[in-house]
Structures are given as C-alpha cells and as structure tokens.
Amino acid sequence: MMYGKRVKYCVTYKTAEKSFDIYKQKMLHNFRIPVLNENLEGADIIEIRKLNVFLVFKLDCIRIFDSFTLKQIGE
C-alpha cells in the first residue's frame, strides 16, 4: 500500500500484476472541538506556524488563538 501526501488516497498493487487499484478515504476519524460558539460566516483564518498561533479575521476584529491549547490569546 502507498498513501498519498495527506493520506486521502491509497494505491494498492500486487507484484507481477499489470494493474493497480486506487481507493479514496471514506471517513475521517479525528476528534474536533469547537473553539468559538459564534457565527463565523465570512471570516478568514491564517496560521502562523513559527509563533504557534492562528488568527481569525472577522469584519471588525482580529482574534489570536494558541495552536496547542486553542485558547484565545488576544483580540
């Protein structure tokens, strides 16, 4: 089995066969938690890996969150 870059596709093959099969990931099993319980429609987000933060841009404010704890650092 060979997996793609983001583990969304898998290629399987057998030795001495001319064909191979490609499978697509059916489900994503990871846990997600809400960071904010408000409507963020139209908002944008940018991740800054060097600082381990991500910024959420809404119409009138910019919020800064820690990437590890997911807590708001500033606004």
PDB file of N, CA and C in Angstrom:
ATOM      1  N   MET A   1       0.833  -1.182   0.000  1.00  0.00           N
ATOM      2  CA  MET A   1       0.000   0.000   0.000  1.00  0.00           C
ATOM      3  C   MET A   1       0.873   1.238   0.000  1.00  0.00           C
ATOM      4  N   MET A   2       0.474   2.213  -0.777  1.00  0.00           N
ATOM      5  CA  MET A   2       1.153   3.505  -0.776  1.00  0.00           C
ATOM      6  C   MET A   2       0.098   4.562  -0.499  1.00  0.00           C
ATOM      7  N   TYR A   3       0.392   5.456   0.432  1.00  0.00           N
ATOM      8  CA  TYR A   3      -0.534   6.518   0.783  1.00  0.00           C
ATOM      9  C   TYR A   3      -0.082   7.827   0.169  1.00  0.00           C
ATOM     10  N   GLY A   4      -1.062   8.675  -0.168  1.00  0.00           N
ATOM     11  CA  GLY A   4      -0.765   9.990  -0.711  1.00  0.00           C
ATOM     12  C   GLY A   4      -0.255  10.932   0.363  1.00  0.00           C
ATOM     13  N   LYS A   5       0.035  12.176  -0.045  1.00  0.00           N
ATOM     14  CA  LYS A   5       0.619  13.164   0.846  1.00  0.00           C
ATOM     15  C   LYS A   5      -0.228  13.420   2.084  1.00  0.00           C
ATOM     16  N   ARG A   6      -1.496  13.567   1.897  1.00  0.00           N
ATOM     17  CA  ARG A   6      -2.379  13.895   3.021  1.00  0.00           C
ATOM     18  C   ARG A   6      -3.227  12.700   3.447  1.00  0.00           C
ATOM     19  N   VAL A   7      -2.820  11.504   3.080  1.00  0.00           N
ATOM     20  CA  VAL A   7      -3.465  10.244   3.436  1.00  0.00           C
ATOM     21  C   VAL A   7      -4.942  10.244   3.038  1.00  0.00           C
ATOM     22  N   LYS A   8      -5.260  10.838   1.880  1.00  0.00           N
ATOM     23  CA  LYS A   8      -6.622  10.813   1.374  1.00  0.00           C
ATOM     24  C   LYS A   8      -6.811   9.701   0.355  1.00  0.00           C
ATOM     25  N   TYR A   9      -5.714   9.294  -0.274  1.00  0.00           N
ATOM     26  CA  TYR A   9      -5.791   8.256  -1.298  1.00  0.00           C
ATOM     27  C   TYR A   9      -4.809   7.145  -0.974  1.00  0.00           C
ATOM     28  N   CYS A  10      -5.154   5.951  -1.393  1.00  0.00           N
ATOM     29  CA  CYS A  10      -4.294   4.793  -1.177  1.00  0.00           C
ATOM     30  C   CYS A  10      -4.206   4.016  -2.488  1.00  0.00           C
ATOM     31  N   VAL A  11      -3.014   3.613  -2.861  1.00  0.00           N
ATOM     32  CA  VAL A  11      -2.804   2.812  -4.062  1.00  0.00           C
ATOM     33  C   VAL A  11      -2.351   1.430  -3.622  1.00  0.00           C
ATOM     34  N   THR A  12      -3.039   0.394  -4.092  1.00  0.00           N
ATOM     35  CA  THR A  12      -2.647  -0.974  -3.768  1.00  0.00           C
ATOM     36  C   THR A  12      -2.250  -1.690  -5.058  1.00  0.00           C
ATOM     37  N   TYR A  13      -1.277  -2.551  -4.945  1.00  0.00           N
ATOM     38  CA  TYR A  13      -0.835  -3.312  -6.107  1.00  0.00           C
ATOM     39  C   TYR A  13      -0.226  -4.629  -5.636  1.00  0.00           C
ATOM     40  N   LYS A  14      -0.146  -5.586  -6.551  1.00  0.00           N
ATOM     41  CA  LYS A  14       0.471  -6.877  -6.270  1.00  0.00           C
ATOM     42  C   LYS A  14       1.638  -7.063  -7.228  1.00  0.00           C
ATOM     43  N   THR A  15       2.639  -7.737  -6.766  1.00  0.00           N
ATOM     44  CA  THR A  15       3.813  -7.985  -7.586  1.00  0.00           C
ATOM     45  C   THR A  15       3.427  -8.815  -8.813  1.00  0.00           C
ATOM     46  N   ALA A  16       3.970  -8.478  -9.955  1.00  0.00           N
ATOM     47  CA  ALA A  16       3.783  -9.168 -11.235  1.00  0.00           C
ATOM     48  C   ALA A  16       2.392  -8.976 -11.819  1.00  0.00           C
ATOM     49  N   GLU A  17       1.614  -8.008 -11.344  1.00  0.00           N
ATOM     50  CA  GLU A  17       0.334  -7.684 -11.966  1.00  0.00           C
ATOM     51  C   GLU A  17       0.453  -6.364 -12.704  1.00  0.00           C
ATOM     52  N   LYS A  18      -0.286  -6.221 -13.784  1.00  0.00           N
ATOM     53  CA  LYS A  18      -0.182  -5.038 -14.621  1.00  0.00           C
ATOM     54  C   LYS A  18      -1.078  -3.896 -14.162  1.00  0.00           C
ATOM     55  N   SER A  19      -2.027  -4.148 -13.297  1.00  0.00           N
ATOM     56  CA  SER A  19      -2.954  -3.103 -12.882  1.00  0.00           C
ATOM     57  C   SER A  19      -2.814  -2.813 -11.381  1.00  0.00           C
ATOM     58  N   PHE A  20      -3.401  -1.713 -10.978  1.00  0.00           N
ATOM     59  CA  PHE A  20      -3.415  -1.371  -9.562  1.00  0.00           C
ATOM     60  C   PHE A  20      -4.748  -0.698  -9.239  1.00  0.00           C
ATOM     61  N   ASP A  21      -5.092  -0.638  -7.970  1.00  0.00           N
ATOM     62  CA  ASP A  21      -6.349  -0.047  -7.521  1.00  0.00           C
ATOM     63  C   ASP A  21      -6.064   1.221  -6.724  1.00  0.00           C
ATOM     64  N   ILE A  22      -6.940   2.198  -6.867  1.00  0.00           N
ATOM     65  CA  ILE A  22      -6.844   3.439  -6.100  1.00  0.00           C
ATOM     66  C   ILE A  22      -8.101   3.555  -5.249  1.00  0.00           C
ATOM     67  N   TYR A  23      -7.906   3.789  -3.970  1.00  0.00           N
ATOM     68  CA  TYR A  23      -9.013   3.939  -3.048  1.00  0.00           C
ATOM     69  C   TYR A  23      -8.998   5.347  -2.473  1.00  0.00           C
ATOM     70  N   LYS A  24     -10.202   5.873  -2.237  1.00  0.00           N
ATOM     71  CA  LYS A  24     -10.334   7.178  -1.609  1.00  0.00           C
ATOM     72  C   LYS A  24     -10.803   6.967  -0.168  1.00  0.00           C
ATOM     73  N   GLN A  25     -10.330   7.817   0.716  1.00  0.00           N
ATOM     74  CA  GLN A  25     -10.693   7.715   2.121  1.00  0.00           C
ATOM     75  C   GLN A  25     -12.193   7.925   2.293  1.00  0.00           C
ATOM     76  N   LYS A  26     -12.857   7.004   2.992  1.00  0.00           N
ATOM     77  CA  LYS A  26     -14.298   7.080   3.148  1.00  0.00           C
ATOM     78  C   LYS A  26     -14.696   7.980   4.309  1.00  0.00           C
ATOM     79  N   MET A  27     -14.002   7.850   5.431  1.00  0.00           N
ATOM     80  CA  MET A  27     -14.316   8.628   6.619  1.00  0.00           C
ATOM     81  C   MET A  27     -13.038   9.170   7.236  1.00  0.00           C
ATOM     82  N   LEU A  28     -13.179  10.273   7.930  1.00  0.00           N
ATOM     83  CA  LEU A  28     -12.057  10.868   8.634  1.00  0.00           C
ATOM     84  C   LEU A  28     -12.330  10.737  10.122  1.00  0.00           C
ATOM     85  N   HIS A  29     -11.514   9.983  10.811  1.00  0.00           N
ATOM     86  CA  HIS A  29     -11.715   9.724  12.229  1.00  0.00           C
ATOM     87  C   HIS A  29     -10.768  10.574  13.058  1.00  0.00           C
ATOM     88  N   ASN A  30     -11.151  11.808  13.297  1.00  0.00           N
ATOM     89  CA  ASN A  30     -10.393  12.632  14.219  1.00  0.00           C
ATOM     90  C   ASN A  30     -11.376  13.426  15.058  1.00  0.00           C
ATOM     91  N   PHE A  31     -10.959  13.769  16.245  1.00  0.00           N
ATOM     92  CA  PHE A  31     -11.834  14.462  17.168  1.00  0.00           C
ATOM     93  C   PHE A  31     -11.713  15.966  16.955  1.00  0.00           C
ATOM     94  N   ARG A  32     -12.832  16.635  16.940  1.00  0.00           N
ATOM     95  CA  ARG A  32     -12.853  18.083  16.750  1.00  0.00           C
ATOM     96  C   ARG A  32     -13.652  18.706  17.881  1.00  0.00           C
ATOM     97  N   ILE A  33     -13.165  19.829  18.347  1.00  0.00           N
ATOM     98  CA  ILE A  33     -13.864  20.549  19.397  1.00  0.00           C
ATOM     99  C   ILE A  33     -14.117  21.975  18.929  1.00  0.00           C
ATOM    100  N   PRO A  34     -15.225  22.574  19.320  1.00  0.00           N
ATOM    101  CA  PRO A  34     -15.475  23.957  18.915  1.00  0.00           C
ATOM    102  C   PRO A  34     -14.577  24.915  19.692  1.00  0.00           C
ATOM    103  N   VAL A  35     -13.982  25.869  18.988  1.00  0.00           N
ATOM    104  CA  VAL A  35     -13.150  26.881  19.625  1.00  0.00           C
ATOM    105  C   VAL A  35     -14.012  28.084  19.985  1.00  0.00           C
ATOM    106  N   LEU A  36     -14.924  28.452  19.101  1.00  0.00           N
ATOM    107  CA  LEU A  36     -15.866  29.549  19.332  1.00  0.00           C
ATOM    108  C   LEU A  36     -17.278  29.062  19.074  1.00  0.00           C
ATOM    109  N   ASN A  37     -18.218  29.543  19.846  1.00  0.00           N
ATOM    110  CA  ASN A  37     -19.617  29.167  19.650  1.00  0.00           C
ATOM    111  C   ASN A  37     -20.407  30.294  19.014  1.00  0.00           C
ATOM    112  N   GLU A  38     -19.793  31.021  18.092  1.00  0.00           N
ATOM    113  CA  GLU A  38     -20.485  32.103  17.423  1.00  0.00           C
ATOM    114  C   GLU A  38     -20.404  31.903  15.916  1.00  0.00           C
ATOM    115  N   ASN A  39     -21.231  32.636  15.202  1.00  0.00           N
ATOM    116  CA  ASN A  39     -21.289  32.529  13.751  1.00  0.00           C
ATOM    117  C   ASN A  39     -20.059  33.202  13.143  1.00  0.00           C
ATOM    118  N   LEU A  40     -19.237  32.444  12.423  1.00  0.00           N
ATOM    119  CA  LEU A  40     -18.042  32.976  11.782  1.00  0.00           C
ATOM    120  C   LEU A  40     -18.186  33.000  10.259  1.00  0.00           C
ATOM    121  N   GLU A  41     -19.408  33.154   9.794  1.00  0.00           N
ATOM    122  CA  GLU A  41     -19.641  33.210   8.352  1.00  0.00           C
ATOM    123  C   GLU A  41     -18.956  34.439   7.764  1.00  0.00           C
ATOM    124  N   GLY A  42     -18.158  34.237   6.739  1.00  0.00           N
ATOM    125  CA  GLY A  42     -17.430  35.322   6.099  1.00  0.00           C
ATOM    126  C   GLY A  42     -16.092  35.627   6.744  1.00  0.00           C
ATOM    127  N   ALA A  43     -15.725  34.883   7.774  1.00  0.00           N
ATOM    128  CA  ALA A  43     -14.438  35.100   8.448  1.00  0.00           C
ATOM    129  C   ALA A  43     -13.326  34.353   7.716  1.00  0.00           C
ATOM    130  N   ASP A  44     -12.107  34.816   7.895  1.00  0.00           N
ATOM    131  CA  ASP A  44     -10.928  34.162   7.324  1.00  0.00           C
ATOM    132  C   ASP A  44      -9.991  33.764   8.447  1.00  0.00           C
ATOM    133  N   ILE A  45      -9.096  32.827   8.150  1.00  0.00           N
ATOM    134  CA  ILE A  45      -8.149  32.360   9.155  1.00  0.00           C
ATOM    135  C   ILE A  45      -6.764  32.221   8.516  1.00  0.00           C
ATOM    136  N   ILE A  46      -5.751  32.554   9.289  1.00  0.00           N
ATOM    137  CA  ILE A  46      -4.357  32.399   8.862  1.00  0.00           C
ATOM    138  C   ILE A  46      -3.595  31.759  10.002  1.00  0.00           C
ATOM    139  N   GLU A  47      -2.805  30.734   9.679  1.00  0.00           N
ATOM    140  CA  GLU A  47      -1.972  30.073  10.684  1.00  0.00           C
ATOM    141  C   GLU A  47      -0.537  30.583  10.555  1.00  0.00           C
ATOM    142  N   ILE A  48       0.068  30.933  11.684  1.00  0.00           N
ATOM    143  CA  ILE A  48       1.467  31.341  11.723  1.00  0.00           C
ATOM    144  C   ILE A  48       2.206  30.277  12.522  1.00  0.00           C
ATOM    145  N   ARG A  49       2.853  29.344  11.826  1.00  0.00           N
ATOM    146  CA  ARG A  49       3.474  28.187  12.476  1.00  0.00           C
ATOM    147  C   ARG A  49       4.670  28.560  13.337  1.00  0.00           C
ATOM    148  N   LYS A  50       5.423  29.571  12.947  1.00  0.00           N
ATOM    149  CA  LYS A  50       6.599  29.959  13.728  1.00  0.00           C
ATOM    150  C   LYS A  50       6.216  30.446  15.121  1.00  0.00           C
ATOM    151  N   LEU A  51       5.058  31.070  15.236  1.00  0.00           N
ATOM    152  CA  LEU A  51       4.590  31.581  16.523  1.00  0.00           C
ATOM    153  C   LEU A  51       3.607  30.638  17.212  1.00  0.00           C
ATOM    154  N   ASN A  52       3.235  29.549  16.531  1.00  0.00           N
ATOM    155  CA  ASN A  52       2.259  28.585  17.035  1.00  0.00           C
ATOM    156  C   ASN A  52       0.927  29.248  17.385  1.00  0.00           C
ATOM    157  N   VAL A  53       0.453  30.100  16.489  1.00  0.00           N
ATOM    158  CA  VAL A  53      -0.830  30.766  16.669  1.00  0.00           C
ATOM    159  C   VAL A  53      -1.600  30.731  15.353  1.00  0.00           C
ATOM    160  N   PHE A  54      -2.905  30.985  15.446  1.00  0.00           N
ATOM    161  CA  PHE A  54      -3.695  31.225  14.243  1.00  0.00           C
ATOM    162  C   PHE A  54      -4.581  32.439  14.495  1.00  0.00           C
ATOM    163  N   LEU A  55      -4.803  33.186  13.431  1.00  0.00           N
ATOM    164  CA  LEU A  55      -5.560  34.431  13.504  1.00  0.00           C
ATOM    165  C   LEU A  55      -6.905  34.240  12.818  1.00  0.00           C
ATOM    166  N   VAL A  56      -7.962  34.706  13.463  1.00  0.00           N
ATOM    167  CA  VAL A  56      -9.302  34.663  12.895  1.00  0.00           C
ATOM    168  C   VAL A  56      -9.720  36.094  12.593  1.00  0.00           C
ATOM    169  N   PHE A  57      -9.967  36.382  11.320  1.00  0.00           N
ATOM    170  CA  PHE A  57     -10.351  37.718  10.875  1.00  0.00           C
ATOM    171  C   PHE A  57     -11.851  37.761  10.652  1.00  0.00           C
ATOM    172  N   LYS A  58     -12.527  38.644  11.352  1.00  0.00           N
ATOM    173  CA  LYS A  58     -13.933  38.901  11.096  1.00  0.00           C
ATOM    174  C   LYS A  58     -14.062  40.363  10.704  1.00  0.00           C
ATOM    175  N   LEU A  59     -15.227  40.839  10.413  1.00  0.00           N
ATOM    176  CA  LEU A  59     -15.413  42.184   9.881  1.00  0.00           C
ATOM    177  C   LEU A  59     -14.678  43.270  10.668  1.00  0.00           C
ATOM    178  N   ASP A  60     -14.856  43.300  11.966  1.00  0.00           N
ATOM    179  CA  ASP A  60     -14.321  44.410  12.750  1.00  0.00           C
ATOM    180  C   ASP A  60     -13.261  44.008  13.767  1.00  0.00           C
ATOM    181  N   CYS A  61     -12.861  42.754  13.827  1.00  0.00           N
ATOM    182  CA  CYS A  61     -11.869  42.361  14.835  1.00  0.00           C
ATOM    183  C   CYS A  61     -10.977  41.227  14.322  1.00  0.00           C
ATOM    184  N   ILE A  62      -9.820  41.111  14.944  1.00  0.00           N
ATOM    185  CA  ILE A  62      -8.872  40.034  14.677  1.00  0.00           C
ATOM    186  C   ILE A  62      -8.615  39.339  16.003  1.00  0.00           C
ATOM    187  N   ARG A  63      -8.832  38.056  16.049  1.00  0.00           N
ATOM    188  CA  ARG A  63      -8.609  37.283  17.276  1.00  0.00           C
ATOM    189  C   ARG A  63      -7.405  36.382  17.095  1.00  0.00           C
ATOM    190  N   ILE A  64      -6.613  36.262  18.150  1.00  0.00           N
ATOM    191  CA  ILE A  64      -5.402  35.447  18.118  1.00  0.00           C
ATOM    192  C   ILE A  64      -5.607  34.262  19.061  1.00  0.00           C
ATOM    193  N   PHE A  65      -5.348  33.034  18.549  1.00  0.00           N
ATOM    194  CA  PHE A  65      -5.516  31.816  19.326  1.00  0.00           C
ATOM    195  C   PHE A  65      -4.215  31.033  19.357  1.00  0.00           C
ATOM    196  N   ASP A  66      -3.962  30.363  20.474  1.00  0.00           N
ATOM    197  CA  ASP A  66      -2.814  29.468  20.598  1.00  0.00           C
ATOM    198  C   ASP A  66      -3.136  28.171  19.861  1.00  0.00           C
ATOM    199  N   SER A  67      -2.207  27.671  19.051  1.00  0.00           N
ATOM    200  CA  SER A  67      -2.447  26.470  18.251  1.00  0.00           C
ATOM    201  C   SER A  67      -2.521  25.202  19.092  1.00  0.00           C
ATOM    202  N   PHE A  68      -1.863  25.174  20.246  1.00  0.00           N
ATOM    203  CA  PHE A  68      -1.834  23.963  21.061  1.00  0.00           C
ATOM    204  C   PHE A  68      -3.002  23.895  22.039  1.00  0.00           C
ATOM    205  N   THR A  69      -3.288  24.981  22.729  1.00  0.00           N
ATOM    206  CA  THR A  69      -4.353  24.975  23.728  1.00  0.00           C
ATOM    207  C   THR A  69      -5.684  25.418  23.176  1.00  0.00           C
ATOM    208  N   LEU A  70      -5.695  26.038  21.986  1.00  0.00           N
ATOM    209  CA  LEU A  70      -6.891  26.565  21.327  1.00  0.00           C
ATOM    210  C   LEU A  70      -7.587  27.642  22.144  1.00  0.00           C
ATOM    211  N   LYS A  71      -6.865  28.291  23.043  1.00  0.00           N
ATOM    212  CA  LYS A  71      -7.423  29.375  23.841  1.00  0.00           C
ATOM    213  C   LYS A  71      -7.084  30.705  23.199  1.00  0.00           C
ATOM    214  N   GLN A  72      -7.990  31.675  23.375  1.00  0.00           N
ATOM    215  CA  GLN A  72      -7.790  32.992  22.800  1.00  0.00           C
ATOM    216  C   GLN A  72      -6.706  33.731  23.585  1.00  0.00           C
ATOM    217  N   ILE A  73      -5.723  34.247  22.871  1.00  0.00           N
ATOM    218  CA  ILE A  73      -4.614  34.976  23.490  1.00  0.00           C
ATOM    219  C   ILE A  73      -4.913  36.468  23.491  1.00  0.00           C
ATOM    220  N   GLY A  74      -5.429  36.964  22.387  1.00  0.00           N
ATOM    221  CA  GLY A  74      -5.681  38.404  22.281  1.00  0.00           C
ATOM    222  C   GLY A  74      -6.738  38.700  21.247  1.00  0.00           C
ATOM    223  N   GLU A  75      -7.090  39.997  21.175  1.00  0.00           N
ATOM    224  CA  GLU A  75      -8.091  40.442  20.208  1.00  0.00           C
ATOM    225  C   GLU A  75      -7.680  41.778  19.639  1.00  0.00           C
TER     226      GLU A  75
END
